N, C-alpha and C. Protein backbone atom coordinates (compact mmCIF):
# COMPACT_ATOMS: atom_id res chain seq x y z
N MET A 1 -2.39 -96.04 -55.47
CA MET A 1 -1.06 -96.35 -54.88
C MET A 1 0.28 -95.52 -55.02
N ILE A 2 -0.37 -94.69 -56.08
CA ILE A 2 0.98 -93.16 -56.39
C ILE A 2 0.95 -92.24 -55.01
N ARG A 3 -0.54 -91.81 -54.83
CA ARG A 3 -0.59 -91.44 -53.64
C ARG A 3 -0.26 -92.28 -52.23
N LEU A 4 -0.22 -93.17 -52.58
CA LEU A 4 0.18 -94.22 -50.87
C LEU A 4 1.92 -93.66 -50.85
N LEU A 5 2.36 -94.21 -52.21
CA LEU A 5 3.96 -93.94 -52.23
C LEU A 5 4.17 -92.56 -51.83
N SER A 6 3.64 -91.33 -52.55
CA SER A 6 3.95 -89.88 -52.12
C SER A 6 4.02 -89.86 -50.49
N LEU A 7 2.76 -90.16 -49.88
CA LEU A 7 2.87 -90.14 -48.54
C LEU A 7 3.97 -91.01 -47.80
N LEU A 8 4.30 -91.92 -48.46
CA LEU A 8 5.26 -92.97 -47.50
C LEU A 8 6.82 -91.71 -47.85
N PHE A 9 6.52 -91.07 -49.29
CA PHE A 9 7.87 -90.54 -49.36
C PHE A 9 8.01 -89.04 -48.53
N VAL A 10 7.19 -88.74 -48.02
CA VAL A 10 7.12 -87.51 -47.79
C VAL A 10 6.90 -87.45 -45.99
N CYS A 11 7.02 -89.01 -45.67
CA CYS A 11 7.08 -89.43 -43.96
C CYS A 11 8.45 -89.69 -43.95
N PHE A 12 8.65 -90.57 -44.59
CA PHE A 12 10.56 -91.01 -44.47
C PHE A 12 11.15 -89.85 -44.84
N SER A 13 11.36 -88.25 -45.70
CA SER A 13 11.97 -87.43 -45.92
C SER A 13 11.82 -86.64 -43.87
N MET A 14 10.83 -86.80 -43.87
CA MET A 14 10.99 -85.71 -42.36
C MET A 14 11.63 -86.25 -41.14
N ASN A 15 11.25 -87.99 -41.40
CA ASN A 15 12.01 -88.22 -40.63
C ASN A 15 13.50 -88.42 -40.88
N VAL A 16 14.32 -88.75 -42.06
CA VAL A 16 15.59 -88.35 -42.20
C VAL A 16 16.28 -86.71 -42.10
N SER A 17 15.25 -86.00 -41.94
CA SER A 17 15.45 -84.46 -41.75
C SER A 17 15.83 -84.42 -40.62
N ALA A 18 14.68 -84.84 -39.85
CA ALA A 18 14.40 -84.27 -38.55
C ALA A 18 15.88 -84.98 -37.72
N ALA A 19 15.94 -83.54 -37.35
CA ALA A 19 17.79 -84.04 -36.08
C ALA A 19 16.87 -84.47 -34.60
N THR A 20 18.21 -84.87 -34.02
CA THR A 20 17.78 -85.31 -32.87
C THR A 20 18.78 -84.64 -31.88
N LEU A 21 18.00 -84.66 -31.17
CA LEU A 21 17.96 -83.34 -29.60
C LEU A 21 18.00 -84.46 -28.48
N LEU A 22 18.88 -84.50 -27.39
CA LEU A 22 19.11 -85.31 -26.23
C LEU A 22 18.57 -83.79 -24.96
N VAL A 23 17.83 -84.49 -24.36
CA VAL A 23 17.50 -83.17 -23.13
C VAL A 23 18.08 -84.63 -21.84
N LEU A 24 19.40 -83.85 -21.55
CA LEU A 24 20.24 -84.51 -20.02
C LEU A 24 19.46 -83.57 -19.08
N GLY A 25 19.06 -84.06 -18.45
CA GLY A 25 18.22 -83.21 -17.21
C GLY A 25 17.90 -84.24 -15.52
N ASP A 26 17.00 -83.45 -15.08
CA ASP A 26 16.78 -83.71 -13.80
C ASP A 26 15.08 -83.57 -13.10
N SER A 27 14.82 -83.70 -12.28
CA SER A 27 13.18 -83.77 -12.01
C SER A 27 12.52 -82.17 -13.22
N LEU A 28 13.70 -81.34 -13.13
CA LEU A 28 12.38 -80.29 -14.00
C LEU A 28 12.51 -80.14 -15.06
N SER A 29 12.69 -81.53 -15.55
CA SER A 29 12.04 -81.91 -17.14
C SER A 29 11.73 -83.54 -17.14
N ALA A 30 12.04 -84.15 -15.94
CA ALA A 30 11.57 -85.43 -16.29
C ALA A 30 9.97 -85.29 -16.09
N GLY A 31 9.57 -84.86 -15.70
CA GLY A 31 7.76 -84.43 -15.61
C GLY A 31 7.87 -85.36 -14.07
N TYR A 32 7.85 -84.22 -13.15
CA TYR A 32 8.13 -85.02 -11.98
C TYR A 32 6.50 -84.62 -11.42
N GLN A 33 5.80 -85.89 -11.28
CA GLN A 33 4.93 -86.14 -10.25
C GLN A 33 3.56 -85.88 -11.44
N MET A 34 3.83 -86.29 -13.01
CA MET A 34 3.67 -86.30 -13.95
C MET A 34 3.26 -87.31 -14.68
N PRO A 35 2.21 -87.54 -15.75
CA PRO A 35 2.63 -88.38 -16.49
C PRO A 35 3.80 -87.64 -17.71
N ILE A 36 5.08 -88.50 -17.90
CA ILE A 36 6.02 -88.49 -18.91
C ILE A 36 5.10 -87.40 -19.99
N GLU A 37 3.78 -87.69 -20.86
CA GLU A 37 3.90 -87.55 -21.83
C GLU A 37 3.15 -85.51 -21.66
N LYS A 38 2.77 -85.38 -20.41
CA LYS A 38 2.98 -84.23 -20.29
C LYS A 38 4.24 -83.53 -20.04
N ALA A 39 4.76 -83.47 -20.01
CA ALA A 39 6.18 -83.17 -19.39
C ALA A 39 6.77 -81.82 -20.99
N TRP A 40 7.38 -80.89 -20.47
CA TRP A 40 7.30 -80.01 -21.79
C TRP A 40 8.19 -80.65 -22.70
N PRO A 41 9.51 -81.28 -22.50
CA PRO A 41 9.72 -82.03 -23.71
C PRO A 41 9.67 -82.85 -24.53
N THR A 42 8.25 -83.49 -23.62
CA THR A 42 7.60 -84.33 -24.78
C THR A 42 6.98 -83.13 -26.36
N LEU A 43 6.58 -82.05 -25.18
CA LEU A 43 5.63 -80.90 -26.08
C LEU A 43 6.65 -79.70 -27.02
N LEU A 44 7.83 -80.28 -26.66
CA LEU A 44 8.42 -79.05 -27.50
C LEU A 44 8.90 -79.51 -28.43
N PRO A 45 8.46 -81.17 -29.49
CA PRO A 45 8.92 -80.69 -30.96
C PRO A 45 7.85 -80.33 -31.48
N ASP A 46 6.25 -79.91 -31.01
CA ASP A 46 5.19 -79.38 -31.46
C ASP A 46 5.53 -77.24 -31.70
N GLU A 47 6.11 -77.12 -30.92
CA GLU A 47 6.44 -76.12 -30.44
C GLU A 47 7.84 -75.81 -31.51
N LEU A 48 8.78 -76.36 -31.70
CA LEU A 48 9.70 -76.27 -32.73
C LEU A 48 9.02 -76.15 -34.42
N ALA A 49 8.44 -76.65 -34.50
CA ALA A 49 7.55 -77.27 -35.96
C ALA A 49 7.57 -76.11 -36.10
N GLN A 50 6.64 -74.97 -35.63
CA GLN A 50 5.97 -74.04 -35.91
C GLN A 50 7.15 -72.49 -36.66
N ASN A 51 8.15 -73.14 -35.76
CA ASN A 51 9.23 -72.54 -36.64
C ASN A 51 9.99 -73.19 -38.14
N GLY A 52 9.75 -74.09 -38.09
CA GLY A 52 9.93 -75.41 -39.35
C GLY A 52 11.29 -75.83 -38.67
N HIS A 53 11.53 -75.95 -37.14
CA HIS A 53 12.17 -77.17 -37.07
C HIS A 53 11.69 -78.60 -36.74
N GLN A 54 12.32 -79.57 -37.62
CA GLN A 54 11.41 -81.08 -37.42
C GLN A 54 12.77 -81.42 -36.70
N MET A 55 12.22 -81.84 -35.33
CA MET A 55 13.32 -82.35 -33.69
C MET A 55 12.50 -83.77 -33.34
N ARG A 56 13.18 -84.27 -33.34
CA ARG A 56 12.38 -85.70 -32.02
C ARG A 56 13.56 -85.47 -31.14
N ILE A 57 12.80 -85.45 -29.84
CA ILE A 57 13.33 -85.08 -28.52
C ILE A 57 13.74 -86.21 -27.61
N ILE A 58 14.94 -86.54 -27.40
CA ILE A 58 14.77 -87.91 -26.90
C ILE A 58 15.16 -87.37 -24.84
N ASN A 59 13.84 -87.77 -24.15
CA ASN A 59 14.27 -86.95 -22.97
C ASN A 59 14.91 -88.17 -21.85
N GLY A 60 16.48 -87.69 -21.59
CA GLY A 60 17.57 -88.21 -21.21
C GLY A 60 17.72 -87.80 -19.90
N SER A 61 16.41 -87.62 -18.40
CA SER A 61 15.98 -86.54 -17.61
C SER A 61 15.41 -87.65 -16.45
N ILE A 62 16.08 -87.92 -15.30
CA ILE A 62 15.26 -88.82 -14.32
C ILE A 62 15.90 -87.76 -12.96
N SER A 63 14.66 -87.77 -12.24
CA SER A 63 14.67 -86.75 -11.05
C SER A 63 15.47 -87.34 -10.30
N GLY A 64 16.08 -86.23 -9.70
CA GLY A 64 16.97 -86.47 -8.71
C GLY A 64 18.94 -86.46 -9.07
N ASP A 65 18.72 -86.19 -10.35
CA ASP A 65 19.92 -86.51 -10.27
C ASP A 65 21.28 -85.33 -10.48
N THR A 66 22.13 -85.44 -10.31
CA THR A 66 22.94 -84.53 -9.99
C THR A 66 24.31 -84.43 -12.15
N THR A 67 25.30 -83.35 -11.51
CA THR A 67 25.89 -83.07 -12.68
C THR A 67 26.54 -84.82 -13.26
N GLY A 68 26.81 -84.99 -11.57
CA GLY A 68 27.66 -86.39 -11.78
C GLY A 68 26.98 -87.78 -12.24
N ASN A 69 26.06 -87.09 -11.58
CA ASN A 69 24.82 -88.85 -12.24
C ASN A 69 24.47 -88.55 -13.47
N GLY A 70 24.32 -87.36 -14.31
CA GLY A 70 24.35 -87.36 -15.77
C GLY A 70 25.63 -87.73 -15.97
N LEU A 71 26.64 -87.52 -16.01
CA LEU A 71 28.11 -87.68 -16.33
C LEU A 71 28.15 -89.48 -16.39
N ASN A 72 27.82 -90.06 -15.42
CA ASN A 72 27.70 -91.67 -15.52
C ASN A 72 26.86 -92.22 -16.66
N ARG A 73 25.76 -91.67 -16.64
CA ARG A 73 24.94 -91.69 -17.61
C ARG A 73 24.95 -91.45 -19.19
N LEU A 74 25.71 -90.26 -19.38
CA LEU A 74 25.58 -89.80 -20.53
C LEU A 74 26.61 -90.49 -21.74
N PRO A 75 27.69 -91.30 -21.69
CA PRO A 75 28.19 -92.40 -22.69
C PRO A 75 27.23 -93.24 -23.29
N ALA A 76 26.47 -94.05 -22.40
CA ALA A 76 25.31 -94.65 -23.24
C ALA A 76 24.59 -94.30 -23.77
N LEU A 77 23.88 -93.31 -23.13
CA LEU A 77 22.60 -92.05 -24.12
C LEU A 77 23.19 -91.68 -25.59
N LEU A 78 24.40 -91.17 -25.37
CA LEU A 78 25.16 -90.58 -26.47
C LEU A 78 25.56 -92.35 -27.63
N GLN A 79 25.93 -93.03 -26.81
CA GLN A 79 25.38 -94.20 -27.82
C GLN A 79 24.73 -95.14 -28.81
N GLN A 80 23.30 -94.72 -27.77
CA GLN A 80 21.97 -95.36 -28.34
C GLN A 80 21.74 -94.79 -29.14
N HIS A 81 21.67 -93.11 -28.74
CA HIS A 81 20.94 -92.15 -29.71
C HIS A 81 21.34 -91.23 -30.91
N GLN A 82 22.89 -91.63 -30.42
CA GLN A 82 23.78 -90.37 -31.30
C GLN A 82 23.30 -89.42 -31.81
N PRO A 83 22.44 -88.36 -30.98
CA PRO A 83 22.04 -86.67 -30.86
C PRO A 83 22.80 -85.99 -32.04
N ASP A 84 21.98 -85.16 -32.70
CA ASP A 84 22.40 -83.91 -33.36
C ASP A 84 23.02 -82.92 -31.61
N TYR A 85 22.45 -82.68 -30.87
CA TYR A 85 22.37 -81.74 -29.85
C TYR A 85 22.16 -82.29 -28.92
N VAL A 86 22.34 -81.69 -27.27
CA VAL A 86 22.35 -82.05 -26.62
C VAL A 86 22.27 -80.97 -25.31
N LEU A 87 20.93 -80.76 -24.79
CA LEU A 87 20.52 -79.70 -23.59
C LEU A 87 20.81 -80.12 -22.59
N ILE A 88 21.49 -79.50 -21.73
CA ILE A 88 21.93 -79.77 -20.28
C ILE A 88 21.25 -79.01 -19.81
N GLU A 89 20.81 -79.60 -18.95
CA GLU A 89 19.84 -79.30 -17.29
C GLU A 89 20.16 -79.56 -16.32
N LEU A 90 21.25 -79.59 -15.80
CA LEU A 90 21.67 -80.09 -14.91
C LEU A 90 22.53 -79.50 -13.89
N GLY A 91 22.37 -79.77 -12.60
CA GLY A 91 23.01 -78.77 -11.50
C GLY A 91 21.93 -78.49 -10.48
N ALA A 92 20.61 -78.07 -10.57
CA ALA A 92 19.94 -77.84 -8.96
C ALA A 92 20.20 -79.17 -8.14
N ASN A 93 20.23 -80.07 -8.32
CA ASN A 93 19.91 -81.20 -7.32
C ASN A 93 21.73 -81.08 -6.87
N ASP A 94 22.68 -80.60 -7.25
CA ASP A 94 23.94 -80.53 -7.30
C ASP A 94 23.65 -79.08 -5.93
N GLY A 95 23.41 -78.11 -6.10
CA GLY A 95 23.44 -76.65 -5.45
C GLY A 95 22.32 -77.36 -4.48
N LEU A 96 21.93 -77.94 -4.32
CA LEU A 96 20.10 -78.19 -3.15
C LEU A 96 21.12 -78.78 -2.02
N ARG A 97 22.37 -79.38 -2.56
CA ARG A 97 22.93 -80.53 -1.38
C ARG A 97 24.19 -79.96 -1.15
N GLY A 98 24.38 -78.39 -1.44
CA GLY A 98 25.82 -77.42 -1.70
C GLY A 98 26.91 -77.80 -1.77
N PHE A 99 26.96 -79.08 -3.18
CA PHE A 99 28.43 -79.54 -3.71
C PHE A 99 28.67 -78.30 -4.46
N SER A 100 30.13 -78.22 -4.14
CA SER A 100 30.89 -76.47 -4.44
C SER A 100 30.56 -76.57 -6.25
N PRO A 101 30.71 -74.81 -6.13
CA PRO A 101 30.65 -74.50 -7.86
C PRO A 101 31.56 -75.01 -8.17
N LYS A 102 33.24 -75.52 -7.95
CA LYS A 102 34.11 -75.88 -8.02
C LYS A 102 33.82 -77.37 -9.14
N LEU A 103 33.25 -77.90 -8.08
CA LEU A 103 32.91 -79.40 -8.64
C LEU A 103 31.82 -79.74 -9.50
N VAL A 104 30.85 -79.28 -9.67
CA VAL A 104 29.91 -78.51 -10.72
C VAL A 104 30.31 -78.31 -11.73
N LYS A 105 30.90 -77.11 -11.78
CA LYS A 105 32.13 -76.76 -13.77
C LYS A 105 33.04 -77.99 -13.87
N ASN A 106 33.47 -78.50 -13.48
CA ASN A 106 33.82 -80.35 -13.47
C ASN A 106 33.05 -80.66 -14.17
N ASN A 107 32.58 -81.30 -13.82
CA ASN A 107 31.05 -82.08 -14.14
C ASN A 107 30.47 -81.21 -15.54
N LEU A 108 30.28 -80.43 -15.17
CA LEU A 108 29.53 -79.63 -16.70
C LEU A 108 30.72 -79.51 -17.86
N ASN A 109 31.84 -79.68 -17.61
CA ASN A 109 33.19 -79.61 -18.45
C ASN A 109 33.31 -81.10 -19.17
N LYS A 110 32.81 -81.89 -18.29
CA LYS A 110 33.36 -83.87 -18.74
C LYS A 110 32.39 -83.44 -19.66
N LEU A 111 30.65 -83.30 -19.18
CA LEU A 111 29.96 -83.39 -20.03
C LEU A 111 29.59 -82.67 -21.36
N ILE A 112 30.07 -81.35 -21.14
CA ILE A 112 30.56 -80.81 -22.51
C ILE A 112 31.60 -81.78 -23.50
N ASP A 113 32.62 -81.72 -23.02
CA ASP A 113 33.22 -82.79 -23.94
C ASP A 113 32.79 -83.97 -24.44
N LEU A 114 32.32 -84.96 -23.63
CA LEU A 114 31.72 -85.95 -23.99
C LEU A 114 30.86 -85.89 -25.31
N SER A 115 29.77 -84.80 -25.24
CA SER A 115 29.00 -84.61 -26.15
C SER A 115 29.36 -84.15 -27.42
N GLN A 116 30.34 -83.57 -28.02
CA GLN A 116 31.24 -82.68 -28.62
C GLN A 116 31.90 -83.82 -29.36
N ASP A 117 32.79 -84.60 -28.29
CA ASP A 117 33.43 -85.31 -28.66
C ASP A 117 32.48 -86.20 -29.60
N SER A 118 31.57 -86.82 -29.34
CA SER A 118 30.35 -87.54 -30.23
C SER A 118 29.76 -86.83 -31.77
N GLY A 119 30.43 -85.70 -31.56
CA GLY A 119 29.78 -84.75 -32.66
C GLY A 119 28.44 -84.11 -32.66
N ALA A 120 27.86 -84.16 -31.49
CA ALA A 120 26.55 -82.95 -30.75
C ALA A 120 26.99 -81.73 -30.76
N LYS A 121 26.67 -80.80 -30.93
CA LYS A 121 26.55 -79.84 -30.21
C LYS A 121 25.30 -79.60 -28.91
N VAL A 122 26.38 -78.51 -27.80
CA VAL A 122 25.98 -78.19 -26.76
C VAL A 122 25.43 -77.48 -26.22
N ILE A 123 23.95 -77.58 -26.07
CA ILE A 123 23.51 -76.53 -25.38
C ILE A 123 23.40 -76.22 -24.10
N LEU A 124 23.87 -75.74 -23.22
CA LEU A 124 23.63 -75.08 -21.44
C LEU A 124 22.72 -74.63 -21.19
N MET A 125 21.90 -75.18 -20.23
CA MET A 125 21.20 -74.37 -19.35
C MET A 125 21.62 -73.18 -18.03
N GLN A 126 21.20 -72.61 -18.38
CA GLN A 126 21.51 -71.76 -16.53
C GLN A 126 20.62 -72.37 -16.01
N ILE A 127 21.70 -72.97 -14.52
CA ILE A 127 20.59 -72.91 -13.54
C ILE A 127 21.03 -72.16 -11.82
N GLN A 128 19.89 -72.10 -11.30
CA GLN A 128 20.16 -71.11 -10.09
C GLN A 128 19.94 -71.81 -8.67
N VAL A 129 19.78 -71.66 -7.51
CA VAL A 129 19.55 -72.16 -6.44
C VAL A 129 18.56 -70.72 -5.17
N PRO A 130 18.18 -71.27 -4.56
CA PRO A 130 17.73 -70.48 -4.12
C PRO A 130 18.42 -69.65 -3.07
N PRO A 131 18.18 -68.22 -2.65
CA PRO A 131 19.20 -67.51 -2.18
C PRO A 131 19.10 -68.03 -0.38
N ASN A 132 18.73 -68.60 0.06
CA ASN A 132 18.23 -69.13 1.30
C ASN A 132 19.43 -70.01 1.51
N TYR A 133 19.84 -70.55 0.15
CA TYR A 133 21.33 -71.22 0.52
C TYR A 133 22.48 -70.26 0.54
N GLY A 134 22.51 -69.06 1.25
CA GLY A 134 23.68 -68.38 1.17
C GLY A 134 23.43 -66.95 -0.36
N LYS A 135 23.79 -66.01 0.04
CA LYS A 135 23.98 -65.31 -1.26
C LYS A 135 25.10 -65.41 -1.73
N ARG A 136 26.63 -65.74 -1.09
CA ARG A 136 27.28 -65.68 -2.12
C ARG A 136 27.76 -67.26 -2.55
N TYR A 137 26.71 -68.61 -1.78
CA TYR A 137 26.71 -69.70 -2.16
C TYR A 137 26.27 -69.16 -4.28
N ALA A 138 24.81 -68.59 -3.72
CA ALA A 138 24.08 -68.62 -5.10
C ALA A 138 25.00 -68.30 -6.31
N GLN A 139 25.77 -67.16 -5.58
CA GLN A 139 26.00 -66.05 -6.56
C GLN A 139 27.26 -66.62 -6.84
N ALA A 140 28.39 -67.50 -6.61
CA ALA A 140 29.27 -68.06 -6.82
C ALA A 140 28.84 -69.44 -7.60
N PHE A 141 27.88 -70.38 -7.50
CA PHE A 141 26.76 -71.44 -8.24
C PHE A 141 26.31 -70.66 -9.58
N ALA A 142 25.50 -69.66 -9.19
CA ALA A 142 25.32 -69.10 -10.72
C ALA A 142 25.84 -68.66 -11.94
N GLN A 143 27.25 -68.22 -11.12
CA GLN A 143 28.48 -67.72 -12.33
C GLN A 143 28.86 -68.98 -12.77
N VAL A 144 28.78 -70.38 -12.23
CA VAL A 144 29.28 -71.90 -13.30
C VAL A 144 29.04 -71.41 -14.77
N TYR A 145 27.91 -71.36 -14.58
CA TYR A 145 27.21 -71.46 -16.23
C TYR A 145 27.33 -70.25 -17.37
N PRO A 146 27.57 -69.00 -16.95
CA PRO A 146 28.38 -68.39 -17.58
C PRO A 146 29.34 -68.42 -18.36
N THR A 147 30.28 -68.58 -16.80
CA THR A 147 31.78 -69.46 -17.17
C THR A 147 31.93 -69.82 -18.13
N VAL A 148 31.52 -71.36 -18.06
CA VAL A 148 31.90 -72.54 -18.64
C VAL A 148 31.12 -72.41 -20.14
N SER A 149 30.16 -71.62 -20.73
CA SER A 149 29.70 -71.34 -21.10
C SER A 149 30.26 -70.84 -22.35
N LYS A 150 31.61 -69.56 -22.06
CA LYS A 150 32.28 -68.98 -22.36
C LYS A 150 33.67 -69.82 -22.64
N GLU A 151 34.60 -70.48 -21.82
CA GLU A 151 35.56 -70.97 -21.77
C GLU A 151 34.92 -72.15 -23.12
N LYS A 152 34.05 -73.29 -23.00
CA LYS A 152 33.42 -74.28 -23.69
C LYS A 152 32.82 -73.57 -24.87
N ASN A 153 32.50 -72.42 -25.17
CA ASN A 153 32.17 -71.93 -26.64
C ASN A 153 31.00 -72.66 -26.89
N VAL A 154 29.81 -72.46 -25.60
CA VAL A 154 28.64 -73.39 -25.46
C VAL A 154 27.66 -72.04 -25.56
N GLU A 155 26.27 -72.98 -26.30
CA GLU A 155 25.21 -71.48 -25.92
C GLU A 155 24.98 -71.58 -24.51
N LEU A 156 24.43 -70.64 -24.30
CA LEU A 156 23.65 -70.52 -22.73
C LEU A 156 22.20 -70.37 -22.89
N ILE A 157 21.49 -70.66 -22.84
CA ILE A 157 20.20 -70.78 -22.54
C ILE A 157 19.53 -70.19 -21.28
N PRO A 158 18.82 -69.16 -21.17
CA PRO A 158 18.02 -69.23 -19.74
C PRO A 158 17.55 -69.75 -18.32
N PHE A 159 16.95 -70.08 -17.80
CA PHE A 159 16.96 -70.43 -16.72
C PHE A 159 15.40 -70.23 -16.45
N PHE A 160 14.31 -71.55 -17.05
CA PHE A 160 12.93 -70.99 -16.94
C PHE A 160 11.94 -71.32 -15.95
N LEU A 161 12.81 -71.60 -14.87
CA LEU A 161 12.11 -71.48 -13.93
C LEU A 161 12.29 -70.03 -12.83
N ALA A 162 12.88 -69.29 -13.29
CA ALA A 162 13.37 -68.28 -12.84
C ALA A 162 12.05 -67.53 -13.20
N GLU A 163 11.67 -67.69 -14.63
CA GLU A 163 10.95 -67.12 -15.10
C GLU A 163 9.34 -67.01 -14.40
N ILE A 164 9.33 -68.10 -13.87
CA ILE A 164 7.53 -68.41 -13.34
C ILE A 164 7.53 -68.93 -11.88
N ILE A 165 8.98 -68.89 -10.89
CA ILE A 165 8.77 -69.36 -9.69
C ILE A 165 7.69 -68.11 -8.67
N THR A 166 7.44 -66.83 -9.16
CA THR A 166 6.79 -66.43 -8.02
C THR A 166 5.06 -66.52 -8.73
N SER A 167 5.07 -67.91 -9.68
CA SER A 167 3.44 -68.19 -9.83
C SER A 167 3.26 -69.47 -9.51
N LYS A 168 1.96 -68.68 -8.38
CA LYS A 168 0.93 -70.67 -7.50
C LYS A 168 0.80 -71.43 -8.46
N ASP A 169 0.46 -71.01 -9.54
CA ASP A 169 -0.10 -72.30 -10.15
C ASP A 169 0.60 -72.38 -11.45
N LEU A 170 2.16 -71.80 -11.42
CA LEU A 170 2.50 -72.49 -12.18
C LEU A 170 4.12 -73.50 -11.33
N ILE A 171 3.88 -73.09 -10.23
CA ILE A 171 5.44 -74.22 -9.03
C ILE A 171 4.62 -74.71 -8.33
N MET A 172 4.73 -76.07 -7.54
CA MET A 172 4.47 -76.43 -6.95
C MET A 172 4.54 -76.25 -5.60
N GLN A 173 3.41 -76.82 -4.66
CA GLN A 173 4.02 -76.44 -3.06
C GLN A 173 5.46 -76.18 -2.25
N ASP A 174 6.29 -77.33 -3.05
CA ASP A 174 7.83 -77.35 -2.86
C ASP A 174 8.35 -76.12 -3.23
N GLY A 175 7.68 -75.50 -3.56
CA GLY A 175 8.57 -74.18 -4.28
C GLY A 175 9.61 -74.43 -5.45
N LEU A 176 9.46 -75.22 -6.15
CA LEU A 176 10.87 -75.89 -6.61
C LEU A 176 10.56 -75.98 -7.88
N HIS A 177 9.71 -77.25 -8.04
CA HIS A 177 8.93 -77.51 -8.97
C HIS A 177 8.22 -77.23 -10.22
N PRO A 178 8.20 -76.45 -11.35
CA PRO A 178 7.05 -76.68 -11.88
C PRO A 178 5.54 -77.70 -12.29
N THR A 179 4.77 -76.74 -11.57
CA THR A 179 3.35 -77.82 -12.04
C THR A 179 3.06 -78.67 -13.69
N GLN A 180 1.91 -79.56 -13.97
CA GLN A 180 1.42 -79.88 -15.04
C GLN A 180 1.01 -78.69 -16.26
N LYS A 181 0.65 -77.57 -15.07
CA LYS A 181 0.38 -76.47 -15.99
C LYS A 181 1.18 -75.70 -16.50
N ALA A 182 2.07 -75.77 -16.17
CA ALA A 182 3.52 -74.83 -16.67
C ALA A 182 4.03 -75.77 -17.52
N GLN A 183 4.00 -77.01 -18.00
CA GLN A 183 4.39 -77.23 -18.94
C GLN A 183 4.58 -76.75 -20.21
N PRO A 184 3.31 -76.73 -20.54
CA PRO A 184 3.33 -75.92 -22.42
C PRO A 184 4.02 -74.73 -22.70
N TRP A 185 3.84 -73.81 -21.02
CA TRP A 185 4.80 -72.05 -21.20
C TRP A 185 6.36 -72.33 -21.37
N ILE A 186 6.30 -73.44 -20.26
CA ILE A 186 7.84 -73.85 -20.91
C ILE A 186 8.43 -74.24 -21.22
N ALA A 187 7.57 -75.72 -22.51
CA ALA A 187 7.76 -76.29 -23.81
C ALA A 187 8.03 -74.51 -24.48
N LYS A 188 7.45 -73.51 -24.68
CA LYS A 188 7.34 -72.48 -25.96
C LYS A 188 8.38 -71.57 -24.90
N PHE A 189 9.35 -71.38 -24.09
CA PHE A 189 9.84 -70.15 -23.68
C PHE A 189 10.69 -71.17 -23.87
N VAL A 190 11.19 -72.66 -23.94
CA VAL A 190 12.29 -73.47 -24.67
C VAL A 190 12.49 -73.60 -25.80
N ALA A 191 11.95 -73.64 -26.95
CA ALA A 191 11.77 -73.54 -28.34
C ALA A 191 11.96 -71.91 -28.52
N GLN A 192 12.00 -71.00 -28.09
CA GLN A 192 11.50 -69.57 -28.47
C GLN A 192 13.45 -69.68 -28.31
N GLN A 193 14.22 -69.96 -27.13
CA GLN A 193 15.82 -69.96 -26.96
C GLN A 193 15.99 -70.78 -27.75
N LEU A 194 15.76 -71.72 -28.22
CA LEU A 194 16.53 -72.56 -29.26
C LEU A 194 16.60 -72.60 -30.52
N ASN A 195 15.17 -71.78 -31.01
CA ASN A 195 15.04 -71.56 -32.64
C ASN A 195 16.05 -70.87 -33.43
N PRO A 196 16.42 -69.93 -32.28
CA PRO A 196 17.87 -68.99 -33.33
C PRO A 196 19.99 -70.34 -33.65
N ILE A 197 19.21 -71.11 -32.57
CA ILE A 197 20.55 -72.01 -32.25
C ILE A 197 20.70 -72.93 -33.09
N LEU A 198 19.65 -73.74 -33.50
CA LEU A 198 19.18 -75.23 -34.24
C LEU A 198 19.86 -74.81 -35.92
């Protein structure tokens, strides 16, 4: 009986101490064409736990979402889950549709404001678009993220896709989405970026 109570206390303590991180993303985080349990956000808690971070991950990612879509969905997610952290991985679909960098910046600012107003700490992921959309546009788009990070004083972490884009085993034939094989690597990469922040 004492052993059972001790076990229950340990489990309860772990749940109480675990912070909540909301991943607000698109198909790059939603587990595109794979079971959701194989997607990197599902694998992330185990990677973070190796560095002593007990974290509950809420994957609020939907394939095809733009920053505008995320802006529409975020209030309900914040109210439902009350996260301690919000990781914003949005913008790739904005870029693929040729949305203006100014629009993306405005939406990111609003996403950050909503998250911070709820009491969450925001982590922004860098997003890049393929150079075939035009060098000037790609550069202007990429610059949005460090600019927002600096102006809003939020952490900016690297774009994981940039690390694996040339690997045939880790990128689908569309040249845009990471494969199921890439998910453990992405989880480890993201955890390495988050560990100093959490």
